[in-house]
Amino acid sequence: MKKVVSAAFFIFTCFTMSAQELPYRQIPDYPSEYTSGNIVSRMVDGLGYRYYWATEGLRQQDLDYRPSEEGRTVLETLQHIYGMSEMILNTPSATPNVRPKDFSGYSFEALRKMTLENLQKASALYTTMASNDFESAKVIFLRGEKQFDFPFWNLLNGMLSDCVYHTGQIVLMRRANGNPQNPNVNVFLGKTRE
C-alpha cells in the first residue's frame, strides 16, 4: 500500500512540477519604470497570461471544436498563434520568418509550451530595448526568394493584436463547447484566485 501511495504521490508531484514550469500562470510583477521596451514587454506578458488560461484544461473535444465549416478548429487556431509567437520573438533581432510553415505535426502540449516560452523570451528581449532600438526591429517575411520587410509598428497592430484576438476566440469556443475557462482568471490584476 505504501508503494502505491508513494508512486501516486511521485506522479502527482511530477505532473504538478511540469505544470508549474510553464510561464504565465500569473503575470510577472510590473517594472519600476515606464520605457518603450517595458511597455511592449508588458503587452506580451498580458498576452501570455491570457493564453495560459485560455488553453489550460483544454480537452481533445475542445481542440477538435470548429464553430462552423469554414472556421478553424481550436487546435488550428493554436497553431496560428504559435506561428505568430515566433514572429513576436523574431522581430527585435529582425530575424526573417520563413513562410509558409506547417505546424500540424506538433501536439497541443508542445504548441502550448513553445508558444508560452516564445512569449516569455520575447518579453525579456523587449524589456532591454530602448526607444531607438525599435527602428532596427523589423518584421521580415521570406517566401521563396522574396523578402518583405515591415517596421515594428506592424507587429503591434498585426501579430500582437491578432494573438490577443485569437486567444479570445479560444475562450469563446471552449465555452461554446461546454468547457469554460477558469472563472477565477483576472486579466486586470494578472492573477487567478485559487
N, C-alpha and C. Protein backbone atom coordinates (compact mmCIF):
# COMPACT_ATOMS: atom_id res chain seq x y z
N MET A 1 0.82 -1.19 0.00
CA MET A 1 0.00 0.00 0.00
C MET A 1 0.87 1.27 0.00
N LYS A 2 1.95 1.24 0.79
CA LYS A 2 2.84 2.39 0.84
C LYS A 2 3.46 2.67 -0.53
N LYS A 3 3.77 1.58 -1.27
CA LYS A 3 4.36 1.76 -2.60
C LYS A 3 3.37 2.43 -3.54
N VAL A 4 2.10 2.05 -3.45
CA VAL A 4 1.08 2.63 -4.32
C VAL A 4 0.91 4.11 -3.99
N VAL A 5 0.84 4.43 -2.70
CA VAL A 5 0.70 5.82 -2.29
C VAL A 5 1.93 6.63 -2.70
N SER A 6 3.13 6.05 -2.51
CA SER A 6 4.36 6.73 -2.91
C SER A 6 4.40 6.96 -4.41
N ALA A 7 4.01 5.95 -5.18
CA ALA A 7 4.01 6.09 -6.64
C ALA A 7 3.01 7.16 -7.07
N ALA A 8 1.82 7.16 -6.46
CA ALA A 8 0.81 8.17 -6.80
C ALA A 8 1.31 9.57 -6.44
N PHE A 9 1.94 9.70 -5.28
CA PHE A 9 2.49 11.00 -4.87
C PHE A 9 3.57 11.46 -5.84
N PHE A 10 4.44 10.53 -6.26
CA PHE A 10 5.51 10.86 -7.21
C PHE A 10 4.92 11.34 -8.54
N ILE A 11 3.93 10.64 -9.05
CA ILE A 11 3.29 11.01 -10.32
C ILE A 11 2.62 12.38 -10.18
N PHE A 12 1.90 12.59 -9.07
CA PHE A 12 1.25 13.87 -8.82
C PHE A 12 2.27 15.00 -8.75
N THR A 13 3.37 14.76 -8.04
CA THR A 13 4.42 15.77 -7.91
C THR A 13 5.04 16.10 -9.26
N CYS A 14 5.33 15.08 -10.06
CA CYS A 14 5.89 15.32 -11.40
C CYS A 14 4.92 16.11 -12.26
N PHE A 15 3.65 15.74 -12.21
CA PHE A 15 2.64 16.45 -13.00
C PHE A 15 2.54 17.90 -12.55
N THR A 16 2.50 18.12 -11.23
CA THR A 16 2.40 19.47 -10.70
C THR A 16 3.63 20.28 -11.06
N MET A 17 4.80 19.69 -10.96
CA MET A 17 6.02 20.41 -11.28
C MET A 17 6.06 20.78 -12.75
N SER A 18 5.66 19.86 -13.63
CA SER A 18 5.72 20.17 -15.05
C SER A 18 4.70 21.25 -15.40
N ALA A 19 3.53 21.25 -14.73
CA ALA A 19 2.54 22.29 -14.98
C ALA A 19 3.06 23.65 -14.50
N GLN A 20 3.80 23.66 -13.40
CA GLN A 20 4.32 24.89 -12.87
C GLN A 20 5.48 25.43 -13.70
N GLU A 21 6.09 24.62 -14.51
CA GLU A 21 7.22 25.07 -15.32
C GLU A 21 6.78 25.99 -16.45
N LEU A 22 5.54 25.93 -16.85
CA LEU A 22 5.08 26.79 -17.93
C LEU A 22 4.98 28.24 -17.44
N PRO A 23 5.47 29.17 -18.24
CA PRO A 23 5.36 30.57 -17.86
C PRO A 23 3.92 31.08 -17.95
N TYR A 24 3.66 32.15 -17.26
CA TYR A 24 2.44 32.94 -17.33
C TYR A 24 1.25 32.37 -16.58
N ARG A 25 1.48 31.52 -15.62
CA ARG A 25 0.38 31.13 -14.74
C ARG A 25 -0.18 32.39 -14.08
N GLN A 26 0.71 33.32 -13.80
CA GLN A 26 0.31 34.66 -13.41
C GLN A 26 1.23 35.63 -14.11
N ILE A 27 0.77 36.84 -14.27
CA ILE A 27 1.57 37.83 -14.98
C ILE A 27 2.71 38.28 -14.05
N PRO A 28 3.90 38.48 -14.58
CA PRO A 28 5.02 38.91 -13.73
C PRO A 28 4.76 40.30 -13.13
N ASP A 29 5.48 40.61 -12.08
CA ASP A 29 5.38 41.95 -11.48
C ASP A 29 5.76 42.98 -12.53
N TYR A 30 5.15 44.13 -12.45
CA TYR A 30 5.44 45.17 -13.43
C TYR A 30 6.76 45.87 -13.09
N PRO A 31 7.43 46.42 -14.11
CA PRO A 31 8.70 47.11 -13.89
C PRO A 31 8.52 48.38 -13.07
N SER A 32 9.61 48.90 -12.57
CA SER A 32 9.56 50.10 -11.73
C SER A 32 9.48 51.38 -12.55
N GLU A 33 9.77 51.29 -13.86
CA GLU A 33 9.73 52.50 -14.68
C GLU A 33 9.07 52.21 -16.02
N TYR A 34 8.55 53.27 -16.61
CA TYR A 34 7.93 53.19 -17.93
C TYR A 34 8.98 53.48 -18.99
N THR A 35 9.24 52.49 -19.82
CA THR A 35 10.09 52.69 -21.00
C THR A 35 9.34 52.05 -22.16
N SER A 36 9.71 52.40 -23.37
CA SER A 36 9.03 51.79 -24.52
C SER A 36 9.21 50.28 -24.50
N GLY A 37 10.40 49.80 -24.14
CA GLY A 37 10.62 48.36 -24.08
C GLY A 37 9.78 47.68 -23.01
N ASN A 38 9.68 48.33 -21.84
CA ASN A 38 8.87 47.76 -20.76
C ASN A 38 7.39 47.72 -21.12
N ILE A 39 6.92 48.73 -21.84
CA ILE A 39 5.51 48.76 -22.23
C ILE A 39 5.20 47.63 -23.20
N VAL A 40 6.04 47.44 -24.21
CA VAL A 40 5.82 46.34 -25.15
C VAL A 40 5.94 44.99 -24.43
N SER A 41 6.92 44.88 -23.55
CA SER A 41 7.09 43.66 -22.78
C SER A 41 5.83 43.34 -21.98
N ARG A 42 5.24 44.34 -21.36
CA ARG A 42 4.03 44.14 -20.57
C ARG A 42 2.86 43.71 -21.45
N MET A 43 2.79 44.23 -22.66
CA MET A 43 1.74 43.79 -23.59
C MET A 43 1.91 42.31 -23.91
N VAL A 44 3.15 41.88 -24.12
CA VAL A 44 3.43 40.46 -24.39
C VAL A 44 3.07 39.62 -23.16
N ASP A 45 3.41 40.12 -21.97
CA ASP A 45 3.08 39.40 -20.75
C ASP A 45 1.56 39.25 -20.59
N GLY A 46 0.83 40.31 -20.91
CA GLY A 46 -0.64 40.24 -20.84
C GLY A 46 -1.18 39.17 -21.78
N LEU A 47 -0.62 39.10 -22.97
CA LEU A 47 -1.00 38.05 -23.91
C LEU A 47 -0.65 36.68 -23.33
N GLY A 48 0.55 36.53 -22.78
CA GLY A 48 0.97 35.25 -22.22
C GLY A 48 0.03 34.76 -21.14
N TYR A 49 -0.38 35.67 -20.24
CA TYR A 49 -1.30 35.30 -19.16
C TYR A 49 -2.64 34.88 -19.75
N ARG A 50 -3.17 35.63 -20.67
CA ARG A 50 -4.46 35.28 -21.29
C ARG A 50 -4.37 33.93 -22.00
N TYR A 51 -3.29 33.73 -22.74
CA TYR A 51 -3.11 32.49 -23.49
C TYR A 51 -3.00 31.29 -22.53
N TYR A 52 -2.23 31.46 -21.46
CA TYR A 52 -2.05 30.36 -20.49
C TYR A 52 -3.41 29.86 -20.01
N TRP A 53 -4.27 30.79 -19.59
CA TRP A 53 -5.56 30.38 -19.02
C TRP A 53 -6.58 30.02 -20.08
N ALA A 54 -6.47 30.59 -21.27
CA ALA A 54 -7.38 30.18 -22.35
C ALA A 54 -7.12 28.74 -22.75
N THR A 55 -5.88 28.28 -22.60
CA THR A 55 -5.51 26.93 -23.04
C THR A 55 -5.42 25.93 -21.90
N GLU A 56 -5.50 26.38 -20.66
CA GLU A 56 -5.42 25.49 -19.50
C GLU A 56 -6.66 24.59 -19.45
N GLY A 57 -6.43 23.28 -19.41
CA GLY A 57 -7.53 22.34 -19.26
C GLY A 57 -8.31 22.05 -20.52
N LEU A 58 -7.75 22.37 -21.69
CA LEU A 58 -8.44 22.02 -22.93
C LEU A 58 -8.45 20.51 -23.11
N ARG A 59 -9.57 20.00 -23.56
CA ARG A 59 -9.73 18.57 -23.81
C ARG A 59 -9.61 18.32 -25.32
N GLN A 60 -9.46 17.07 -25.69
CA GLN A 60 -9.38 16.75 -27.12
C GLN A 60 -10.61 17.24 -27.87
N GLN A 61 -11.78 17.07 -27.26
CA GLN A 61 -13.00 17.53 -27.93
C GLN A 61 -13.02 19.05 -28.09
N ASP A 62 -12.34 19.78 -27.19
CA ASP A 62 -12.21 21.23 -27.36
C ASP A 62 -11.27 21.55 -28.52
N LEU A 63 -10.16 20.81 -28.59
CA LEU A 63 -9.19 21.04 -29.66
C LEU A 63 -9.80 20.78 -31.03
N ASP A 64 -10.73 19.84 -31.10
CA ASP A 64 -11.39 19.49 -32.36
C ASP A 64 -12.57 20.40 -32.69
N TYR A 65 -12.98 21.21 -31.73
CA TYR A 65 -14.17 22.04 -31.92
C TYR A 65 -13.96 23.06 -33.03
N ARG A 66 -14.95 23.13 -33.90
CA ARG A 66 -14.94 24.08 -35.03
C ARG A 66 -16.30 24.79 -35.02
N PRO A 67 -16.33 26.12 -34.90
CA PRO A 67 -17.61 26.82 -34.78
C PRO A 67 -18.46 26.79 -36.06
N SER A 68 -17.82 26.59 -37.20
CA SER A 68 -18.55 26.49 -38.46
C SER A 68 -17.69 25.69 -39.44
N GLU A 69 -18.26 25.29 -40.54
CA GLU A 69 -17.49 24.51 -41.52
C GLU A 69 -16.30 25.28 -42.07
N GLU A 70 -16.43 26.59 -42.18
CA GLU A 70 -15.34 27.41 -42.71
C GLU A 70 -14.34 27.82 -41.64
N GLY A 71 -14.73 27.73 -40.38
CA GLY A 71 -13.88 28.21 -39.30
C GLY A 71 -12.77 27.24 -38.94
N ARG A 72 -11.76 27.78 -38.27
CA ARG A 72 -10.65 26.96 -37.76
C ARG A 72 -11.10 26.20 -36.52
N THR A 73 -10.49 25.04 -36.31
CA THR A 73 -10.67 24.36 -35.03
C THR A 73 -9.84 25.10 -33.98
N VAL A 74 -10.07 24.76 -32.72
CA VAL A 74 -9.26 25.35 -31.66
C VAL A 74 -7.79 25.00 -31.90
N LEU A 75 -7.49 23.74 -32.26
CA LEU A 75 -6.10 23.34 -32.50
C LEU A 75 -5.49 24.13 -33.65
N GLU A 76 -6.22 24.33 -34.72
CA GLU A 76 -5.71 25.13 -35.84
C GLU A 76 -5.47 26.59 -35.41
N THR A 77 -6.31 27.10 -34.53
CA THR A 77 -6.12 28.45 -34.00
C THR A 77 -4.85 28.50 -33.16
N LEU A 78 -4.61 27.46 -32.36
CA LEU A 78 -3.38 27.38 -31.56
C LEU A 78 -2.14 27.32 -32.44
N GLN A 79 -2.22 26.62 -33.55
CA GLN A 79 -1.10 26.56 -34.50
C GLN A 79 -0.83 27.95 -35.07
N HIS A 80 -1.89 28.67 -35.39
CA HIS A 80 -1.76 30.02 -35.93
C HIS A 80 -1.11 30.95 -34.90
N ILE A 81 -1.56 30.87 -33.66
CA ILE A 81 -0.99 31.70 -32.60
C ILE A 81 0.49 31.36 -32.41
N TYR A 82 0.82 30.07 -32.45
CA TYR A 82 2.23 29.69 -32.29
C TYR A 82 3.08 30.34 -33.38
N GLY A 83 2.63 30.29 -34.62
CA GLY A 83 3.38 30.91 -35.71
C GLY A 83 3.60 32.40 -35.46
N MET A 84 2.58 33.06 -34.95
CA MET A 84 2.73 34.49 -34.66
C MET A 84 3.63 34.73 -33.45
N SER A 85 3.64 33.79 -32.50
CA SER A 85 4.55 33.96 -31.34
C SER A 85 6.01 33.89 -31.80
N GLU A 86 6.28 33.09 -32.84
CA GLU A 86 7.63 33.08 -33.42
C GLU A 86 7.98 34.44 -34.00
N MET A 87 7.02 35.05 -34.68
CA MET A 87 7.26 36.36 -35.28
C MET A 87 7.48 37.43 -34.21
N ILE A 88 6.71 37.35 -33.11
CA ILE A 88 6.89 38.29 -32.00
C ILE A 88 8.29 38.15 -31.42
N LEU A 89 8.77 36.91 -31.34
CA LEU A 89 10.12 36.66 -30.83
C LEU A 89 11.20 37.09 -31.82
N ASN A 90 10.96 36.92 -33.10
CA ASN A 90 11.97 37.22 -34.13
C ASN A 90 12.13 38.71 -34.43
N THR A 91 11.12 39.51 -34.15
CA THR A 91 11.13 40.91 -34.55
C THR A 91 12.24 41.75 -33.93
N PRO A 92 12.54 41.64 -32.63
CA PRO A 92 13.61 42.51 -32.07
C PRO A 92 14.95 42.34 -32.78
N SER A 93 15.26 41.13 -33.22
CA SER A 93 16.54 40.88 -33.90
C SER A 93 16.41 40.93 -35.42
N ALA A 94 15.22 41.28 -35.92
CA ALA A 94 14.96 41.32 -37.36
C ALA A 94 15.30 39.99 -38.03
N THR A 95 14.98 38.90 -37.33
CA THR A 95 15.18 37.55 -37.87
C THR A 95 14.04 37.24 -38.84
N PRO A 96 14.37 36.82 -40.07
CA PRO A 96 13.32 36.53 -41.04
C PRO A 96 12.42 35.37 -40.61
N ASN A 97 11.15 35.50 -40.96
CA ASN A 97 10.15 34.46 -40.74
C ASN A 97 9.91 33.76 -42.07
N VAL A 98 10.24 32.49 -42.14
CA VAL A 98 10.09 31.74 -43.38
C VAL A 98 8.64 31.27 -43.48
N ARG A 99 8.00 31.63 -44.56
CA ARG A 99 6.61 31.26 -44.79
C ARG A 99 6.48 30.61 -46.15
N PRO A 100 5.55 29.73 -46.37
CA PRO A 100 4.62 29.19 -45.38
C PRO A 100 5.29 28.14 -44.49
N LYS A 101 4.74 27.93 -43.31
CA LYS A 101 5.23 26.94 -42.37
C LYS A 101 4.07 26.08 -41.91
N ASP A 102 4.34 24.82 -41.67
CA ASP A 102 3.30 23.89 -41.25
C ASP A 102 3.57 23.47 -39.81
N PHE A 103 2.62 23.73 -38.92
CA PHE A 103 2.76 23.38 -37.51
C PHE A 103 1.87 22.21 -37.13
N SER A 104 1.30 21.52 -38.12
CA SER A 104 0.35 20.45 -37.83
C SER A 104 0.99 19.24 -37.15
N GLY A 105 2.30 19.11 -37.19
CA GLY A 105 2.96 17.96 -36.57
C GLY A 105 3.15 18.09 -35.07
N TYR A 106 2.84 19.26 -34.50
CA TYR A 106 3.04 19.47 -33.07
C TYR A 106 1.80 19.09 -32.28
N SER A 107 1.99 18.47 -31.14
CA SER A 107 0.88 18.16 -30.25
C SER A 107 0.40 19.44 -29.58
N PHE A 108 -0.78 19.37 -29.00
CA PHE A 108 -1.30 20.52 -28.25
C PHE A 108 -0.34 20.92 -27.15
N GLU A 109 0.15 19.94 -26.39
CA GLU A 109 1.04 20.24 -25.27
C GLU A 109 2.31 20.93 -25.75
N ALA A 110 2.88 20.46 -26.86
CA ALA A 110 4.09 21.08 -27.41
C ALA A 110 3.80 22.50 -27.90
N LEU A 111 2.70 22.69 -28.61
CA LEU A 111 2.33 24.03 -29.09
C LEU A 111 2.16 25.00 -27.93
N ARG A 112 1.46 24.55 -26.91
CA ARG A 112 1.21 25.41 -25.75
C ARG A 112 2.52 25.82 -25.08
N LYS A 113 3.36 24.84 -24.84
CA LYS A 113 4.64 25.10 -24.17
C LYS A 113 5.53 26.02 -25.02
N MET A 114 5.66 25.72 -26.30
CA MET A 114 6.51 26.53 -27.17
C MET A 114 5.99 27.96 -27.32
N THR A 115 4.67 28.11 -27.39
CA THR A 115 4.09 29.44 -27.51
C THR A 115 4.37 30.25 -26.25
N LEU A 116 4.12 29.67 -25.09
CA LEU A 116 4.36 30.39 -23.84
C LEU A 116 5.85 30.73 -23.67
N GLU A 117 6.72 29.81 -24.04
CA GLU A 117 8.15 30.08 -23.94
C GLU A 117 8.59 31.16 -24.93
N ASN A 118 8.03 31.14 -26.15
CA ASN A 118 8.34 32.21 -27.11
C ASN A 118 7.94 33.58 -26.56
N LEU A 119 6.77 33.64 -25.96
CA LEU A 119 6.29 34.90 -25.41
C LEU A 119 7.17 35.36 -24.25
N GLN A 120 7.57 34.44 -23.41
CA GLN A 120 8.44 34.78 -22.28
C GLN A 120 9.79 35.31 -22.77
N LYS A 121 10.38 34.64 -23.76
CA LYS A 121 11.66 35.09 -24.32
C LYS A 121 11.51 36.46 -24.98
N ALA A 122 10.42 36.63 -25.73
CA ALA A 122 10.19 37.91 -26.41
C ALA A 122 10.03 39.03 -25.39
N SER A 123 9.28 38.77 -24.33
CA SER A 123 9.09 39.78 -23.29
C SER A 123 10.44 40.22 -22.71
N ALA A 124 11.31 39.25 -22.45
CA ALA A 124 12.63 39.57 -21.91
C ALA A 124 13.43 40.42 -22.90
N LEU A 125 13.34 40.11 -24.18
CA LEU A 125 14.05 40.90 -25.20
C LEU A 125 13.52 42.33 -25.26
N TYR A 126 12.20 42.48 -25.26
CA TYR A 126 11.62 43.82 -25.37
C TYR A 126 11.97 44.67 -24.16
N THR A 127 12.08 44.06 -22.99
CA THR A 127 12.43 44.81 -21.78
C THR A 127 13.76 45.52 -21.93
N THR A 128 14.68 44.92 -22.66
CA THR A 128 16.02 45.50 -22.81
C THR A 128 16.11 46.56 -23.90
N MET A 129 15.05 46.75 -24.66
CA MET A 129 15.10 47.66 -25.80
C MET A 129 14.83 49.10 -25.40
N ALA A 130 15.67 49.99 -25.91
CA ALA A 130 15.46 51.43 -25.74
C ALA A 130 14.62 51.93 -26.92
N SER A 131 14.12 53.12 -26.82
CA SER A 131 13.24 53.67 -27.87
C SER A 131 13.87 53.60 -29.25
N ASN A 132 15.15 53.94 -29.36
CA ASN A 132 15.78 53.95 -30.69
C ASN A 132 16.05 52.54 -31.20
N ASP A 133 16.01 51.51 -30.34
CA ASP A 133 16.19 50.12 -30.80
C ASP A 133 15.03 49.64 -31.67
N PHE A 134 13.88 50.27 -31.52
CA PHE A 134 12.71 49.82 -32.27
C PHE A 134 12.83 50.15 -33.76
N GLU A 135 13.72 51.07 -34.10
CA GLU A 135 13.95 51.39 -35.52
C GLU A 135 14.54 50.19 -36.26
N SER A 136 15.39 49.42 -35.60
CA SER A 136 16.02 48.26 -36.25
C SER A 136 15.21 46.98 -36.08
N ALA A 137 14.21 47.01 -35.22
CA ALA A 137 13.33 45.84 -35.06
C ALA A 137 12.41 45.77 -36.28
N LYS A 138 12.43 44.66 -36.96
CA LYS A 138 11.66 44.54 -38.21
C LYS A 138 10.91 43.22 -38.24
N VAL A 139 9.74 43.26 -38.85
CA VAL A 139 9.00 42.04 -39.17
C VAL A 139 9.41 41.70 -40.60
N ILE A 140 10.07 40.56 -40.75
CA ILE A 140 10.57 40.16 -42.08
C ILE A 140 9.97 38.81 -42.45
N PHE A 141 9.42 38.76 -43.66
CA PHE A 141 8.88 37.51 -44.20
C PHE A 141 9.74 37.07 -45.37
N LEU A 142 10.08 35.79 -45.41
CA LEU A 142 10.74 35.18 -46.55
C LEU A 142 9.78 34.20 -47.18
N ARG A 143 9.51 34.41 -48.45
CA ARG A 143 8.68 33.49 -49.21
C ARG A 143 9.45 33.15 -50.47
N GLY A 144 10.09 31.98 -50.44
CA GLY A 144 10.97 31.63 -51.55
C GLY A 144 12.14 32.58 -51.60
N GLU A 145 12.34 33.22 -52.73
CA GLU A 145 13.43 34.18 -52.90
C GLU A 145 13.03 35.60 -52.52
N LYS A 146 11.75 35.81 -52.25
CA LYS A 146 11.27 37.16 -51.97
C LYS A 146 11.29 37.46 -50.48
N GLN A 147 11.74 38.66 -50.15
CA GLN A 147 11.76 39.11 -48.77
C GLN A 147 10.91 40.37 -48.64
N PHE A 148 10.08 40.41 -47.60
CA PHE A 148 9.21 41.54 -47.33
C PHE A 148 9.52 42.06 -45.93
N ASP A 149 9.91 43.33 -45.82
CA ASP A 149 10.26 43.93 -44.54
C ASP A 149 9.19 44.94 -44.12
N PHE A 150 8.86 44.91 -42.84
CA PHE A 150 7.89 45.83 -42.28
C PHE A 150 8.44 46.40 -40.97
N PRO A 151 8.07 47.64 -40.63
CA PRO A 151 8.54 48.24 -39.38
C PRO A 151 7.87 47.59 -38.17
N PHE A 152 8.42 47.86 -37.01
CA PHE A 152 7.90 47.31 -35.76
C PHE A 152 6.42 47.62 -35.57
N TRP A 153 5.98 48.77 -36.04
CA TRP A 153 4.58 49.17 -35.87
C TRP A 153 3.63 48.07 -36.34
N ASN A 154 3.99 47.40 -37.42
CA ASN A 154 3.11 46.36 -37.96
C ASN A 154 2.96 45.18 -37.01
N LEU A 155 3.96 44.96 -36.16
CA LEU A 155 3.85 43.89 -35.17
C LEU A 155 2.76 44.22 -34.15
N LEU A 156 2.68 45.50 -33.76
CA LEU A 156 1.70 45.90 -32.74
C LEU A 156 0.27 45.70 -33.22
N ASN A 157 -0.04 46.24 -34.41
CA ASN A 157 -1.40 46.10 -34.90
C ASN A 157 -1.62 44.79 -35.65
N GLY A 158 -0.54 44.08 -35.93
CA GLY A 158 -0.64 42.79 -36.61
C GLY A 158 -0.59 41.63 -35.63
N MET A 159 0.56 41.01 -35.52
CA MET A 159 0.69 39.77 -34.77
C MET A 159 0.30 39.87 -33.30
N LEU A 160 0.75 40.92 -32.62
CA LEU A 160 0.46 41.03 -31.19
C LEU A 160 -1.05 41.17 -30.95
N SER A 161 -1.67 42.07 -31.68
CA SER A 161 -3.12 42.25 -31.54
C SER A 161 -3.88 41.01 -32.01
N ASP A 162 -3.40 40.39 -33.08
CA ASP A 162 -4.06 39.21 -33.61
C ASP A 162 -4.00 38.04 -32.62
N CYS A 163 -2.89 37.90 -31.92
CA CYS A 163 -2.78 36.83 -30.91
C CYS A 163 -3.78 37.03 -29.78
N VAL A 164 -3.95 38.29 -29.33
CA VAL A 164 -4.93 38.57 -28.28
C VAL A 164 -6.33 38.24 -28.80
N TYR A 165 -6.61 38.64 -30.02
CA TYR A 165 -7.90 38.38 -30.66
C TYR A 165 -8.19 36.88 -30.73
N HIS A 166 -7.22 36.10 -31.21
CA HIS A 166 -7.43 34.66 -31.35
C HIS A 166 -7.48 33.95 -30.00
N THR A 167 -6.77 34.46 -29.02
CA THR A 167 -6.84 33.89 -27.68
C THR A 167 -8.26 34.06 -27.14
N GLY A 168 -8.86 35.21 -27.40
CA GLY A 168 -10.26 35.43 -27.02
C GLY A 168 -11.19 34.47 -27.74
N GLN A 169 -10.89 34.15 -28.99
CA GLN A 169 -11.70 33.17 -29.71
C GLN A 169 -11.65 31.81 -29.04
N ILE A 170 -10.46 31.43 -28.56
CA ILE A 170 -10.33 30.14 -27.88
C ILE A 170 -11.21 30.12 -26.63
N VAL A 171 -11.20 31.23 -25.87
CA VAL A 171 -12.04 31.32 -24.68
C VAL A 171 -13.50 31.14 -25.07
N LEU A 172 -13.93 31.80 -26.13
CA LEU A 172 -15.31 31.70 -26.59
C LEU A 172 -15.64 30.28 -27.08
N MET A 173 -14.75 29.70 -27.88
CA MET A 173 -15.03 28.38 -28.44
C MET A 173 -15.08 27.31 -27.35
N ARG A 174 -14.19 27.39 -26.36
CA ARG A 174 -14.23 26.38 -25.31
C ARG A 174 -15.50 26.52 -24.48
N ARG A 175 -15.96 27.76 -24.28
CA ARG A 175 -17.21 27.98 -23.56
C ARG A 175 -18.37 27.39 -24.36
N ALA A 176 -18.39 27.64 -25.67
CA ALA A 176 -19.45 27.11 -26.53
C ALA A 176 -19.44 25.59 -26.54
N ASN A 177 -18.28 24.99 -26.30
CA ASN A 177 -18.15 23.54 -26.31
C ASN A 177 -18.36 22.92 -24.91
N GLY A 178 -18.76 23.73 -23.95
CA GLY A 178 -19.09 23.21 -22.63
C GLY A 178 -17.92 23.10 -21.66
N ASN A 179 -16.80 23.76 -21.95
CA ASN A 179 -15.63 23.72 -21.08
C ASN A 179 -15.11 25.14 -20.87
N PRO A 180 -15.84 25.96 -20.10
CA PRO A 180 -15.42 27.36 -19.96
C PRO A 180 -14.09 27.52 -19.24
N GLN A 181 -13.44 28.63 -19.52
CA GLN A 181 -12.19 28.98 -18.86
C GLN A 181 -12.45 29.14 -17.36
N ASN A 182 -11.42 28.94 -16.57
CA ASN A 182 -11.49 29.13 -15.13
C ASN A 182 -12.10 30.51 -14.82
N PRO A 183 -13.19 30.56 -14.07
CA PRO A 183 -13.84 31.85 -13.79
C PRO A 183 -13.05 32.74 -12.84
N ASN A 184 -12.00 32.21 -12.24
CA ASN A 184 -11.20 32.99 -11.30
C ASN A 184 -10.06 33.77 -11.97
N VAL A 185 -9.95 33.67 -13.29
CA VAL A 185 -8.93 34.41 -14.02
C VAL A 185 -9.26 35.90 -13.95
N ASN A 186 -8.27 36.71 -13.61
CA ASN A 186 -8.47 38.15 -13.52
C ASN A 186 -7.40 38.82 -14.38
N VAL A 187 -7.75 39.17 -15.62
CA VAL A 187 -6.76 39.74 -16.53
C VAL A 187 -6.34 41.14 -16.12
N PHE A 188 -7.19 41.85 -15.36
CA PHE A 188 -6.81 43.18 -14.88
C PHE A 188 -5.66 43.09 -13.88
N LEU A 189 -5.77 42.17 -12.93
CA LEU A 189 -4.71 42.00 -11.93
C LEU A 189 -3.61 41.07 -12.39
N GLY A 190 -3.92 40.21 -13.38
CA GLY A 190 -2.92 39.26 -13.87
C GLY A 190 -2.70 38.12 -12.89
N LYS A 191 -3.70 37.84 -12.08
CA LYS A 191 -3.61 36.75 -11.11
C LYS A 191 -4.91 35.98 -11.13
N THR A 192 -4.84 34.74 -10.76
CA THR A 192 -6.01 33.88 -10.73
C THR A 192 -6.24 33.43 -9.31
N ARG A 193 -7.45 33.68 -8.82
CA ARG A 193 -7.78 33.21 -7.47
C ARG A 193 -7.77 31.70 -7.44
N GLU A 194 -7.11 31.14 -6.46
CA GLU A 194 -7.04 29.67 -6.33
C GLU A 194 -8.26 29.13 -5.64
